[in-house]
Each structure stands twice: as C-alpha cells, then as structure tokens.
Amino acid sequence: MMKKTNRYNAGLAKARKRKYRLKKKLLKKDLMTPRDIRRWQKEAGFETQKEAADALGISIATFQDMSRGISRNSGKAVVIDKRTALACAALLHGLEPYGKKNSEE
C-alpha cells in the first residue's frame, strides 16, 4: 500500500522538477546559473548579498531569487540574463561603467 503524499511533499516535488527543468534549460543556453552567481559573489569579495545586489544595481530580493534559482513570489524558475552575467564579469575584473569619465581628464 502506498502512502499518501501530503501537500508539503508535493510542493517539494514540484520545486525539484522546476529546478531540474531550469538546470536543463540553462545548460542548453549556456547562461549563468544560481551556483555561478553565488560563486561570483564569493570571488568578487562581497560578504553579504546586499553588497552584491548594490554593486549590480538590483534589489536584494532579486539577487536572492537569482541565488536560489526560484522566484519567491511565483515559484517559477529564475533565469539570470546575459546583461547580469556581463555585469558580474565586468565587476569581477574591475571595469568601470561605459561612458564614465576618467579622473585624469
């Protein structure tokens, strides 16, 4: 006889499926993953998620969703877009925003 699945377990199963689909989609598109953004935060030397979010110019809630890979509002998978990935790379390498005047001029 099989045990009945309660709502909590059903919710976990759905979240796992969404996470698997997101991972599959990200690998296919070669986009930044939640693991990548957490690694970037550590490599860039941001101790808190707030510091990292401020550096990227996004809210802490958005950064947390990206770190988890799942939106806390809708429960859907969060895809980290190419602009965010490029901004992370630029910050990691110490690049200034395009068009910012040098202090020497």
Protein backbone atom coordinates (compact mmCIF):
# COMPACT_ATOMS: atom_id res chain seq x y z
CA MET A 1 0.00 0.00 0.00
CA MET A 2 1.41 3.40 -0.99
CA LYS A 3 1.49 6.31 1.42
CA LYS A 4 -0.50 9.39 0.60
CA THR A 5 1.66 12.33 -0.35
CA ASN A 6 0.94 15.39 1.73
CA ARG A 7 0.95 18.91 0.33
CA TYR A 8 4.43 19.66 1.65
CA ASN A 9 5.98 16.71 -0.18
CA ALA A 10 4.00 17.54 -3.32
CA GLY A 11 5.35 21.11 -3.17
CA LEU A 12 8.90 19.84 -2.79
CA ALA A 13 8.47 17.52 -5.74
CA LYS A 14 7.22 20.41 -7.91
CA ALA A 15 10.15 22.60 -6.83
CA ARG A 16 12.61 19.83 -7.69
CA LYS A 17 11.05 19.41 -11.12
CA ARG A 18 11.25 23.16 -11.77
CA LYS A 19 14.87 23.19 -10.63
CA TYR A 20 15.70 20.27 -12.93
CA ARG A 21 13.98 21.96 -15.89
CA LEU A 22 15.81 25.22 -15.17
CA LYS A 23 19.16 23.42 -14.96
CA LYS A 24 18.47 21.66 -18.24
CA LYS A 25 17.42 24.93 -19.89
CA LEU A 26 20.47 26.79 -18.57
CA LEU A 27 22.89 24.14 -19.74
CA LYS A 28 21.31 24.29 -23.16
CA LYS A 29 21.55 28.09 -23.40
CA ASP A 30 24.90 28.38 -21.64
CA LEU A 31 23.56 31.02 -19.22
CA MET A 32 24.68 31.93 -15.73
CA THR A 33 23.32 29.54 -13.09
CA PRO A 34 22.42 30.23 -9.44
CA ARG A 35 25.60 28.38 -8.46
CA ASP A 36 27.60 30.71 -10.73
CA ILE A 37 26.18 33.86 -9.15
CA ARG A 38 26.92 32.57 -5.64
CA ARG A 39 30.48 31.75 -6.73
CA TRP A 40 30.82 35.21 -8.31
CA GLN A 41 29.73 36.84 -5.05
CA LYS A 42 32.45 34.97 -3.17
CA GLU A 43 35.17 35.62 -5.78
CA ALA A 44 34.31 39.32 -6.02
CA GLY A 45 34.66 39.63 -2.24
CA PHE A 46 31.11 40.64 -1.38
CA GLU A 47 30.45 39.39 2.14
CA THR A 48 26.69 39.92 2.01
CA GLN A 49 24.04 39.52 -0.63
CA LYS A 50 23.11 43.17 -0.08
CA GLU A 51 26.61 44.31 -1.08
CA ALA A 52 26.48 42.16 -4.22
CA ALA A 53 22.99 43.38 -5.12
CA ASP A 54 24.03 47.02 -4.66
CA ALA A 55 27.06 46.50 -6.90
CA LEU A 56 24.82 45.09 -9.64
CA GLY A 57 22.18 47.78 -9.15
CA ILE A 58 19.38 45.35 -8.30
CA SER A 59 17.26 44.77 -5.21
CA ILE A 60 18.31 42.30 -2.54
CA ALA A 61 15.13 40.29 -3.21
CA THR A 62 16.03 39.95 -6.90
CA PHE A 63 19.56 38.87 -6.01
CA GLN A 64 18.21 36.29 -3.54
CA ASP A 65 15.87 34.91 -6.20
CA MET A 66 18.81 34.62 -8.60
CA SER A 67 20.89 32.88 -5.93
CA ARG A 68 18.11 30.36 -5.28
CA GLY A 69 17.05 29.97 -8.89
CA ILE A 70 13.38 30.12 -7.96
CA SER A 71 11.18 33.19 -7.54
CA ARG A 72 9.77 33.51 -4.05
CA ASN A 73 6.59 35.16 -5.40
CA SER A 74 5.59 32.86 -8.25
CA GLY A 75 7.69 29.77 -7.53
CA LYS A 76 8.85 29.77 -11.14
CA ALA A 77 12.42 29.31 -12.25
CA VAL A 78 14.51 32.48 -12.44
CA VAL A 79 16.79 32.86 -15.42
CA ILE A 80 19.84 35.09 -14.96
CA ASP A 81 20.01 37.15 -18.12
CA LYS A 82 23.09 37.88 -20.19
CA ARG A 83 23.27 41.51 -19.01
CA THR A 84 23.62 40.41 -15.39
CA ALA A 85 26.26 37.84 -16.33
CA LEU A 86 28.23 40.51 -18.22
CA ALA A 87 27.88 42.97 -15.33
CA CYS A 88 29.22 40.31 -12.94
CA ALA A 89 32.23 39.72 -15.22
CA ALA A 90 32.90 43.47 -15.52
CA LEU A 91 32.74 43.99 -11.75
CA LEU A 92 34.98 40.99 -11.15
CA HIS A 93 37.62 42.47 -13.46
CA GLY A 94 37.31 46.00 -12.07
CA LEU A 95 35.82 47.62 -15.16
CA GLU A 96 34.03 50.95 -14.85
CA PRO A 97 30.65 51.60 -16.49
CA TYR A 98 30.91 52.59 -20.14
CA GLY A 99 30.97 56.35 -20.62
CA LYS A 100 32.19 57.13 -17.12
CA LYS A 101 34.82 59.89 -17.28
CA ASN A 102 38.31 59.09 -16.05
CA SER A 103 39.57 61.23 -13.17
CA GLU A 104 42.67 62.09 -15.25
CA GLU A 105 40.71 64.03 -17.90
